[in-house]
Amino acid sequence: AVVSTQSTGRVMAMPTRATVKQRNGEEFEWTGTLRESLYILECNNSGVTVGSKCSKVSVENCRDTKVTLNYGNITSYLEIINCHNCEVTLADGVTIATVTVDGARGVTLRVSNCQEQLEKIWWHNVSKLYVDRGDELGLFLLDKIPDNNEITKFQHVCKVKPDNTFSKEPVMRENGYPITEEEKMAADAKMEEYDRRMLEMVKQNVTIGPNSSLKARPYSAL
């Protein structure tokens, strides 16, 4: 079956939300417009093919469902939330810059080339997350069920490296914003370098007189 929400109007509409909901044991294709965000909700044992570009794709509260993206979305953003035993496949040429997986158990992302199709994956509250790279490297386990069988509470991000493997980093909160240890170290290093340069500028533009306190050069000298 083909589910279509395309509009024939000539006036550009405001962004809209397209929903595919509560499909059970069905195989179907969705086609829509660039102005739509697609939400695939509460589907069980189904197969969904996204047959056109859209602004965003979100897969939520689905079980035993396979989603295939034959076209990319213009925001290059994919959400997988509260899903169990689900697969999302990126067809050749489909690029998703950011994938977010939250509250999921047993999720597999299938791609043919990580370097070209993925940039980074964020996940939180996940028990098992795989990436099938479609080559001799095969499945890559990003996260697994801990020994205590509790889902991982921490937020992580992994970035694709040139060899199609991943760098996994825990995410912390810095001034209310998510940041990794690597990013924090880079930001701290930049701040230290900035402070050092400012101190050098002050030293170069301030002299000490023989009979007085500090004497500063004109501000224009800076």
Protein backbone atom coordinates (compact mmCIF):
# COMPACT_ATOMS: atom_id res chain seq x y z
CA ALA A 1 0.00 0.00 0.00
CA VAL A 2 1.10 3.58 -0.63
CA VAL A 3 0.30 6.27 1.92
CA SER A 4 0.49 9.74 0.37
CA THR A 5 0.05 13.16 1.94
CA GLN A 6 1.22 15.22 -1.02
CA SER A 7 -0.55 18.50 -1.66
CA THR A 8 -1.39 19.85 -5.09
CA GLY A 9 -1.73 23.46 -3.92
CA ARG A 10 0.55 26.08 -5.45
CA VAL A 11 0.94 28.13 -2.26
CA MET A 12 3.79 27.06 0.03
CA ALA A 13 2.24 25.71 3.22
CA MET A 14 3.60 25.95 6.71
CA PRO A 15 5.53 22.88 7.93
CA THR A 16 3.11 20.09 8.75
CA ARG A 17 3.21 16.80 10.60
CA ALA A 18 2.44 13.60 8.74
CA THR A 19 1.66 10.55 10.88
CA VAL A 20 1.66 6.85 10.15
CA LYS A 21 0.14 5.22 13.22
CA GLN A 22 -0.77 1.81 14.63
CA ARG A 23 -0.03 -0.32 11.61
CA ASN A 24 0.05 -4.03 12.45
CA GLY A 25 1.57 -6.63 10.16
CA GLU A 26 1.55 -4.33 7.12
CA GLU A 27 4.02 -3.41 4.38
CA PHE A 28 3.55 0.05 2.91
CA GLU A 29 5.28 3.07 1.41
CA TRP A 30 4.87 6.69 2.48
CA THR A 31 5.24 9.60 0.08
CA GLY A 32 4.90 13.22 1.08
CA THR A 33 6.47 16.64 0.69
CA LEU A 34 9.60 18.45 1.83
CA ARG A 35 7.49 20.53 4.21
CA GLU A 36 6.38 17.53 6.24
CA SER A 37 7.88 15.83 9.27
CA LEU A 38 7.05 12.12 9.26
CA TYR A 39 6.16 10.41 12.54
CA ILE A 40 5.89 6.62 12.52
CA LEU A 41 4.04 5.76 15.71
CA GLU A 42 3.03 2.55 17.51
CA CYS A 43 3.54 0.20 14.58
CA ASN A 44 4.01 -3.52 15.21
CA ASN A 45 5.54 -6.19 12.97
CA SER A 46 5.38 -3.87 9.96
CA GLY A 47 7.57 -2.55 7.17
CA VAL A 48 7.58 1.14 6.31
CA THR A 49 9.38 2.58 3.25
CA VAL A 50 9.89 6.33 3.12
CA GLY A 51 9.57 6.99 -0.60
CA SER A 52 10.18 10.74 -0.74
CA LYS A 53 12.15 13.48 1.00
CA CYS A 54 10.70 15.12 4.08
CA SER A 55 11.88 17.50 6.77
CA LYS A 56 12.39 14.90 9.52
CA VAL A 57 11.69 11.25 10.35
CA SER A 58 10.80 10.09 13.85
CA VAL A 59 10.10 6.45 14.78
CA GLU A 60 8.37 6.16 18.15
CA ASN A 61 6.91 3.36 20.29
CA CYS A 62 7.25 0.72 17.56
CA ARG A 63 7.95 -3.00 17.96
CA ASP A 64 9.43 -5.50 15.50
CA THR A 65 9.19 -2.94 12.71
CA LYS A 66 11.54 -2.20 9.80
CA VAL A 67 11.88 1.28 8.34
CA THR A 68 13.69 1.94 5.05
CA LEU A 69 14.69 5.45 4.02
CA ASN A 70 14.94 5.56 0.24
CA TYR A 71 15.38 9.33 0.33
CA GLY A 72 17.15 11.59 2.78
CA ASN A 73 15.40 14.24 4.84
CA ILE A 74 16.32 17.87 4.47
CA THR A 75 17.25 18.29 8.13
CA SER A 76 19.43 15.15 8.02
CA TYR A 77 17.96 14.14 11.37
CA LEU A 78 16.48 10.82 12.47
CA GLU A 79 14.90 9.97 15.84
CA ILE A 80 14.27 6.48 17.23
CA ILE A 81 12.40 6.70 20.53
CA ASN A 82 11.06 3.97 22.84
CA CYS A 83 11.31 1.27 20.16
CA HIS A 84 11.87 -2.46 20.69
CA ASN A 85 13.55 -4.77 18.17
CA CYS A 86 13.40 -2.34 15.27
CA GLU A 87 15.60 -1.80 12.22
CA VAL A 88 16.21 1.34 10.18
CA THR A 89 17.94 0.99 6.81
CA LEU A 90 19.51 3.87 4.90
CA ALA A 91 19.45 3.12 1.19
CA ASP A 92 22.51 3.93 -0.93
CA GLY A 93 22.96 7.67 -1.23
CA VAL A 94 20.86 8.54 1.81
CA THR A 95 22.78 10.70 4.28
CA ILE A 96 21.72 11.31 7.89
CA ALA A 97 24.01 13.64 9.80
CA THR A 98 22.54 12.95 13.25
CA VAL A 99 20.73 9.90 14.59
CA THR A 100 19.22 10.06 18.08
CA VAL A 101 18.19 6.88 19.88
CA ASP A 102 16.42 7.20 23.23
CA GLY A 103 14.66 4.73 25.50
CA ALA A 104 15.12 1.83 23.07
CA ARG A 105 15.87 -1.89 23.36
CA GLY A 106 17.33 -3.71 20.40
CA VAL A 107 17.80 -1.22 17.56
CA THR A 108 19.82 -1.88 14.39
CA LEU A 109 20.91 0.76 11.90
CA ARG A 110 21.83 -0.65 8.49
CA VAL A 111 24.03 1.32 6.09
CA SER A 112 26.30 0.52 3.17
CA ASN A 113 28.96 3.13 3.94
CA CYS A 114 29.19 4.72 7.39
CA GLN A 115 31.65 7.39 6.31
CA GLU A 116 29.33 8.70 3.59
CA GLN A 117 25.96 8.11 5.23
CA LEU A 118 26.41 8.81 8.95
CA GLU A 119 28.15 11.52 10.92
CA LYS A 120 27.24 10.86 14.54
CA ILE A 121 24.84 8.89 16.71
CA TRP A 122 23.55 10.10 20.07
CA TRP A 123 21.94 7.62 22.44
CA HIS A 124 20.53 7.58 25.95
CA ASN A 125 18.59 5.07 27.99
CA VAL A 126 19.41 2.27 25.54
CA SER A 127 20.01 -1.43 26.22
CA LYS A 128 21.29 -2.67 22.85
CA LEU A 129 22.23 -0.72 19.75
CA TYR A 130 23.89 -2.08 16.61
CA VAL A 131 25.17 -0.58 13.38
CA ASP A 132 25.37 -2.93 10.39
CA ARG A 133 27.99 -1.35 8.14
CA GLY A 134 27.21 -3.56 5.20
CA ASP A 135 30.82 -4.62 4.61
CA GLU A 136 33.31 -7.10 5.94
CA LEU A 137 33.25 -5.24 9.25
CA GLY A 138 29.66 -6.39 9.78
CA LEU A 139 27.74 -5.53 12.94
CA PHE A 140 29.20 -3.04 15.38
CA LEU A 141 27.77 -3.08 18.89
CA LEU A 142 27.55 0.45 20.25
CA ASP A 143 25.91 -0.48 23.51
CA LYS A 144 24.86 -3.69 25.22
CA ILE A 145 22.77 -4.91 28.12
CA PRO A 146 24.78 -4.36 31.33
CA ASP A 147 25.38 -7.20 33.77
CA ASN A 148 22.60 -5.91 36.02
CA ASN A 149 20.22 -5.95 33.02
CA GLU A 150 19.45 -2.28 33.50
CA ILE A 151 19.40 0.00 30.50
CA THR A 152 22.21 2.50 30.15
CA LYS A 153 21.26 5.75 31.85
CA PHE A 154 24.11 7.84 30.51
CA GLN A 155 24.06 9.75 27.27
CA HIS A 156 26.72 8.89 24.69
CA VAL A 157 27.73 10.07 21.27
CA CYS A 158 29.76 8.23 18.68
CA LYS A 159 31.32 9.71 15.58
CA VAL A 160 32.29 7.87 12.44
CA LYS A 161 36.04 7.63 11.94
CA PRO A 162 37.77 7.43 8.52
CA ASP A 163 38.09 3.63 8.79
CA ASN A 164 34.30 3.24 9.23
CA THR A 165 34.67 2.46 12.94
CA PHE A 166 33.31 4.61 15.73
CA SER A 167 34.65 6.72 18.56
CA LYS A 168 32.40 6.39 21.59
CA GLU A 169 32.31 9.17 24.16
CA PRO A 170 30.13 9.78 27.22
CA VAL A 171 28.27 13.07 27.27
CA MET A 172 28.40 15.45 30.22
CA ARG A 173 26.68 18.71 30.96
CA GLU A 174 28.66 21.91 30.72
CA ASN A 175 26.72 25.09 31.58
CA GLY A 176 23.52 23.25 30.82
CA TYR A 177 24.58 22.05 27.37
CA PRO A 178 25.60 18.51 26.32
CA ILE A 179 29.30 18.18 25.62
CA THR A 180 31.83 15.36 25.42
CA GLU A 181 35.13 15.14 27.27
CA GLU A 182 37.00 15.68 24.00
CA GLU A 183 34.96 18.78 23.20
CA LYS A 184 35.39 20.08 26.74
CA MET A 185 39.17 19.65 26.55
CA ALA A 186 39.26 21.45 23.20
CA ALA A 187 37.14 24.30 24.55
CA ASP A 188 39.30 24.57 27.69
CA ALA A 189 42.47 24.64 25.56
CA LYS A 190 41.06 27.47 23.43
CA MET A 191 40.15 29.44 26.54
CA GLU A 192 43.61 28.94 28.04
CA GLU A 193 45.22 30.09 24.79
CA TYR A 194 42.94 33.14 24.72
CA ASP A 195 43.84 34.02 28.33
CA ARG A 196 47.55 33.59 27.56
CA ARG A 197 47.38 35.89 24.56
CA MET A 198 45.44 38.53 26.49
CA LEU A 199 48.02 38.41 29.29
CA GLU A 200 50.84 38.86 26.77
CA MET A 201 49.06 41.88 25.31
CA VAL A 202 48.73 43.42 28.76
CA LYS A 203 52.40 42.81 29.55
CA GLN A 204 53.50 44.40 26.26
CA ASN A 205 51.42 47.52 26.78
CA VAL A 206 52.05 48.29 30.49
CA THR A 207 55.32 49.70 31.88
CA ILE A 208 56.39 50.43 35.46
CA GLY A 209 57.76 53.92 36.12
CA PRO A 210 60.69 54.53 38.56
CA ASN A 211 58.80 56.80 40.93
CA SER A 212 55.20 55.90 40.43
CA SER A 213 52.75 53.09 40.14
CA LEU A 214 51.78 51.53 36.81
CA LYS A 215 51.96 53.69 33.71
CA ALA A 216 49.95 52.42 30.75
CA ARG A 217 50.60 53.10 27.13
CA PRO A 218 47.80 54.71 25.15
CA TYR A 219 44.91 52.34 24.43
CA SER A 220 45.53 52.79 20.69
CA ALA A 221 48.78 50.88 21.13
CA LEU A 222 46.71 47.72 21.66
